[in-house]
């Protein structure tokens, strides 16, 4: 598997090797629109950041479990992380 998490980072050959019928795809959705004068345009930025952290958490926990480390305590500092953390840990 490649260390590159997004398709945008991968060459077509890397994607062909990495993507299988068992692959789990995360599709962050958002828009590129005015969010006010105080913020960058594009609420897709948060969706992308959340999607990347979800994939990373999944990989980290899977790696721990492969080594027999199954007592994992997650400390969360942001409320919007609750749903992805719950999803990953329930699997």
N, C-alpha and C. Protein backbone atom coordinates (compact mmCIF):
# COMPACT_ATOMS: atom_id res chain seq x y z
N UNK A 1 0.84 -1.18 0.00
CA UNK A 1 0.00 0.00 0.00
C UNK A 1 0.88 1.24 0.00
N UNK A 2 0.39 2.28 -0.58
CA UNK A 2 1.12 3.54 -0.65
C UNK A 2 0.88 4.39 0.59
N UNK A 3 1.84 5.23 0.93
CA UNK A 3 1.66 6.16 2.04
C UNK A 3 0.86 7.38 1.62
N UNK A 4 0.59 7.50 0.34
CA UNK A 4 -0.18 8.62 -0.17
C UNK A 4 -1.67 8.33 0.05
N UNK A 5 -2.35 9.19 0.81
CA UNK A 5 -3.73 8.91 1.18
C UNK A 5 -4.75 9.37 0.15
N UNK A 6 -4.43 10.38 -0.63
CA UNK A 6 -5.42 10.90 -1.57
C UNK A 6 -5.08 10.50 -2.99
N UNK A 7 -6.11 10.37 -3.81
CA UNK A 7 -5.88 10.06 -5.22
C UNK A 7 -5.09 11.17 -5.90
N UNK A 8 -5.28 12.40 -5.45
CA UNK A 8 -4.56 13.53 -6.04
C UNK A 8 -3.05 13.40 -5.86
N UNK A 9 -2.60 12.68 -4.85
CA UNK A 9 -1.17 12.50 -4.59
C UNK A 9 -0.58 11.31 -5.36
N UNK A 10 -1.42 10.44 -5.88
CA UNK A 10 -0.96 9.19 -6.47
C UNK A 10 -0.87 9.29 -7.99
N UNK A 11 0.08 8.52 -8.54
CA UNK A 11 0.10 8.34 -9.98
C UNK A 11 -0.98 7.32 -10.32
N UNK A 12 -1.29 7.19 -11.59
CA UNK A 12 -2.31 6.21 -11.98
C UNK A 12 -1.86 4.79 -11.66
N UNK A 13 -0.57 4.51 -11.78
CA UNK A 13 -0.05 3.18 -11.46
C UNK A 13 -0.15 2.89 -9.97
N UNK A 14 0.18 3.88 -9.13
CA UNK A 14 0.05 3.70 -7.68
C UNK A 14 -1.40 3.44 -7.30
N UNK A 15 -2.32 4.17 -7.91
CA UNK A 15 -3.74 3.98 -7.62
C UNK A 15 -4.20 2.60 -8.06
N UNK A 16 -3.76 2.14 -9.23
CA UNK A 16 -4.14 0.79 -9.70
C UNK A 16 -3.68 -0.29 -8.73
N UNK A 17 -2.48 -0.12 -8.18
CA UNK A 17 -1.95 -1.12 -7.23
C UNK A 17 -2.66 -1.02 -5.88
N UNK A 18 -2.98 0.19 -5.45
CA UNK A 18 -3.53 0.39 -4.11
C UNK A 18 -5.03 0.10 -4.01
N UNK A 19 -5.75 0.39 -5.07
CA UNK A 19 -7.21 0.26 -5.01
C UNK A 19 -7.64 -1.15 -5.40
N UNK A 20 -8.32 -1.80 -4.48
CA UNK A 20 -8.84 -3.15 -4.72
C UNK A 20 -10.33 -3.15 -4.41
N UNK A 21 -10.96 -4.28 -4.60
CA UNK A 21 -12.39 -4.40 -4.28
C UNK A 21 -12.64 -4.20 -2.80
N UNK A 22 -11.61 -4.39 -1.96
CA UNK A 22 -11.75 -4.21 -0.52
C UNK A 22 -11.41 -2.80 -0.05
N UNK A 23 -11.04 -1.93 -0.97
CA UNK A 23 -10.67 -0.56 -0.59
C UNK A 23 -11.86 0.18 0.00
N UNK A 24 -11.56 1.03 0.95
CA UNK A 24 -12.56 1.87 1.60
C UNK A 24 -12.29 3.30 1.17
N UNK A 25 -13.22 3.90 0.45
CA UNK A 25 -13.03 5.25 -0.06
C UNK A 25 -13.78 6.25 0.80
N UNK A 26 -13.14 7.38 1.05
CA UNK A 26 -13.77 8.49 1.77
C UNK A 26 -13.85 9.65 0.81
N UNK A 27 -15.05 10.15 0.59
CA UNK A 27 -15.27 11.23 -0.36
C UNK A 27 -15.70 12.49 0.39
N UNK A 28 -14.75 13.39 0.69
CA UNK A 28 -15.14 14.62 1.39
C UNK A 28 -15.91 15.55 0.45
N UNK A 29 -16.99 16.09 0.94
CA UNK A 29 -17.84 16.96 0.11
C UNK A 29 -17.90 18.35 0.73
N UNK A 30 -18.01 19.33 -0.10
CA UNK A 30 -18.14 20.72 0.35
C UNK A 30 -18.32 21.61 -0.87
N UNK A 31 -18.09 22.87 -0.67
CA UNK A 31 -18.25 23.80 -1.77
C UNK A 31 -17.18 24.87 -1.71
N UNK A 32 -17.03 25.57 -2.79
CA UNK A 32 -16.12 26.71 -2.85
C UNK A 32 -17.00 27.95 -2.92
N UNK A 33 -17.26 28.55 -1.77
CA UNK A 33 -18.14 29.69 -1.71
C UNK A 33 -17.69 30.65 -0.62
N UNK A 34 -18.22 31.83 -0.64
CA UNK A 34 -17.89 32.86 0.33
C UNK A 34 -18.38 32.44 1.71
N UNK A 35 -17.45 32.33 2.66
CA UNK A 35 -17.79 31.99 4.03
C UNK A 35 -17.74 33.21 4.94
N UNK A 36 -17.66 34.39 4.35
CA UNK A 36 -17.54 35.62 5.11
C UNK A 36 -16.14 36.19 4.96
N UNK A 37 -15.98 37.43 5.34
CA UNK A 37 -14.69 38.10 5.14
C UNK A 37 -13.60 37.59 6.07
N UNK A 38 -13.96 36.82 7.08
CA UNK A 38 -12.99 36.33 8.06
C UNK A 38 -12.42 34.96 7.74
N UNK A 39 -12.95 34.26 6.75
CA UNK A 39 -12.57 32.87 6.52
C UNK A 39 -12.23 32.63 5.05
N UNK A 40 -11.38 31.63 4.80
CA UNK A 40 -11.09 31.29 3.41
C UNK A 40 -12.33 30.75 2.71
N UNK A 41 -12.39 30.93 1.42
CA UNK A 41 -13.53 30.41 0.66
C UNK A 41 -13.39 28.91 0.52
N UNK A 42 -14.40 28.20 0.90
CA UNK A 42 -14.40 26.76 0.70
C UNK A 42 -14.60 25.96 1.96
N UNK A 43 -15.83 25.51 2.18
CA UNK A 43 -16.07 24.67 3.34
C UNK A 43 -15.63 23.23 3.08
N UNK A 44 -15.13 22.96 1.89
CA UNK A 44 -14.57 21.65 1.60
C UNK A 44 -13.29 21.41 2.39
N UNK A 45 -12.63 22.50 2.83
CA UNK A 45 -11.37 22.37 3.56
C UNK A 45 -11.55 21.54 4.83
N UNK A 46 -12.62 21.80 5.56
CA UNK A 46 -12.88 21.04 6.79
C UNK A 46 -13.20 19.59 6.46
N UNK A 47 -14.03 19.38 5.43
CA UNK A 47 -14.39 18.01 5.05
C UNK A 47 -13.15 17.22 4.65
N UNK A 48 -12.25 17.85 3.92
CA UNK A 48 -11.02 17.18 3.51
C UNK A 48 -10.13 16.85 4.71
N UNK A 49 -9.98 17.81 5.62
CA UNK A 49 -9.16 17.58 6.81
C UNK A 49 -9.74 16.46 7.67
N UNK A 50 -11.06 16.45 7.82
CA UNK A 50 -11.71 15.42 8.61
C UNK A 50 -11.55 14.05 7.94
N UNK A 51 -11.71 14.01 6.63
CA UNK A 51 -11.56 12.75 5.90
C UNK A 51 -10.14 12.20 6.05
N UNK A 52 -9.14 13.06 5.95
CA UNK A 52 -7.76 12.61 6.09
C UNK A 52 -7.47 12.12 7.50
N UNK A 53 -8.02 12.80 8.51
CA UNK A 53 -7.77 12.34 9.88
C UNK A 53 -8.47 11.01 10.14
N UNK A 54 -9.64 10.80 9.53
CA UNK A 54 -10.36 9.53 9.67
C UNK A 54 -9.52 8.39 9.10
N UNK A 55 -8.99 8.59 7.87
CA UNK A 55 -8.17 7.53 7.25
C UNK A 55 -6.94 7.25 8.08
N UNK A 56 -6.31 8.30 8.62
CA UNK A 56 -5.12 8.14 9.44
C UNK A 56 -5.44 7.37 10.71
N UNK A 57 -6.56 7.71 11.37
CA UNK A 57 -6.95 7.02 12.60
C UNK A 57 -7.20 5.54 12.31
N UNK A 58 -7.87 5.25 11.23
CA UNK A 58 -8.14 3.87 10.85
C UNK A 58 -6.84 3.10 10.66
N UNK A 59 -5.89 3.69 9.95
CA UNK A 59 -4.60 3.04 9.71
C UNK A 59 -3.83 2.85 11.01
N UNK A 60 -3.84 3.87 11.88
CA UNK A 60 -3.11 3.76 13.14
C UNK A 60 -3.66 2.65 14.00
N UNK A 61 -4.99 2.59 14.15
CA UNK A 61 -5.59 1.57 15.00
C UNK A 61 -5.37 0.18 14.40
N UNK A 62 -5.50 0.06 13.08
CA UNK A 62 -5.26 -1.24 12.44
C UNK A 62 -3.82 -1.70 12.68
N UNK A 63 -2.88 -0.77 12.62
CA UNK A 63 -1.48 -1.11 12.88
C UNK A 63 -1.26 -1.59 14.30
N UNK A 64 -1.85 -0.90 15.26
CA UNK A 64 -1.73 -1.33 16.65
C UNK A 64 -2.31 -2.73 16.83
N UNK A 65 -3.49 -2.96 16.27
CA UNK A 65 -4.15 -4.25 16.42
C UNK A 65 -3.34 -5.38 15.80
N UNK A 66 -2.70 -5.11 14.66
CA UNK A 66 -1.85 -6.13 14.03
C UNK A 66 -0.71 -6.57 14.95
N UNK A 67 -0.30 -5.69 15.84
CA UNK A 67 0.79 -6.00 16.77
C UNK A 67 0.27 -6.44 18.14
N UNK A 68 -1.02 -6.73 18.22
CA UNK A 68 -1.60 -7.22 19.46
C UNK A 68 -1.87 -6.15 20.50
N UNK A 69 -1.76 -4.90 20.12
CA UNK A 69 -2.02 -3.79 21.04
C UNK A 69 -3.48 -3.38 20.90
N UNK A 70 -4.32 -3.86 21.82
CA UNK A 70 -5.76 -3.61 21.67
C UNK A 70 -6.36 -2.78 22.81
N UNK A 71 -5.53 -2.25 23.67
CA UNK A 71 -6.02 -1.38 24.74
C UNK A 71 -5.61 0.05 24.36
N UNK A 72 -6.51 0.72 23.65
CA UNK A 72 -6.22 2.03 23.05
C UNK A 72 -7.13 3.07 23.68
N UNK A 73 -6.56 4.11 24.19
CA UNK A 73 -7.30 5.21 24.80
C UNK A 73 -7.15 6.43 23.91
N UNK A 74 -8.24 6.92 23.36
CA UNK A 74 -8.20 8.07 22.46
C UNK A 74 -8.65 9.31 23.22
N UNK A 75 -7.83 10.33 23.20
CA UNK A 75 -8.17 11.61 23.81
C UNK A 75 -8.54 12.56 22.68
N UNK A 76 -9.78 13.02 22.67
CA UNK A 76 -10.27 13.88 21.60
C UNK A 76 -10.40 15.31 22.10
N UNK A 77 -9.90 16.25 21.32
CA UNK A 77 -9.98 17.65 21.71
C UNK A 77 -10.91 18.46 20.83
N UNK A 78 -11.70 17.79 19.96
CA UNK A 78 -12.58 18.54 19.05
C UNK A 78 -13.87 17.75 18.84
N UNK A 79 -14.99 18.38 19.12
CA UNK A 79 -16.30 17.72 19.07
C UNK A 79 -16.64 17.08 17.74
N UNK A 80 -16.21 17.67 16.64
CA UNK A 80 -16.55 17.12 15.33
C UNK A 80 -15.79 15.83 15.02
N UNK A 81 -14.86 15.46 15.86
CA UNK A 81 -14.13 14.20 15.66
C UNK A 81 -14.86 12.99 16.25
N UNK A 82 -15.91 13.23 17.02
CA UNK A 82 -16.58 12.15 17.73
C UNK A 82 -17.14 11.09 16.77
N UNK A 83 -17.84 11.50 15.75
CA UNK A 83 -18.45 10.53 14.82
C UNK A 83 -17.41 9.68 14.10
N UNK A 84 -16.35 10.28 13.52
CA UNK A 84 -15.35 9.43 12.87
C UNK A 84 -14.63 8.50 13.84
N UNK A 85 -14.33 9.00 15.05
CA UNK A 85 -13.67 8.15 16.04
C UNK A 85 -14.58 6.98 16.40
N UNK A 86 -15.85 7.25 16.59
CA UNK A 86 -16.81 6.18 16.91
C UNK A 86 -16.88 5.16 15.78
N UNK A 87 -16.94 5.63 14.56
CA UNK A 87 -17.03 4.72 13.41
C UNK A 87 -15.80 3.82 13.33
N UNK A 88 -14.63 4.39 13.46
CA UNK A 88 -13.39 3.61 13.35
C UNK A 88 -13.29 2.61 14.50
N UNK A 89 -13.56 3.05 15.71
CA UNK A 89 -13.40 2.16 16.86
C UNK A 89 -14.45 1.07 16.91
N UNK A 90 -15.63 1.31 16.38
CA UNK A 90 -16.66 0.26 16.37
C UNK A 90 -16.32 -0.84 15.37
N UNK A 91 -15.60 -0.50 14.29
CA UNK A 91 -15.17 -1.52 13.35
C UNK A 91 -14.11 -2.38 13.99
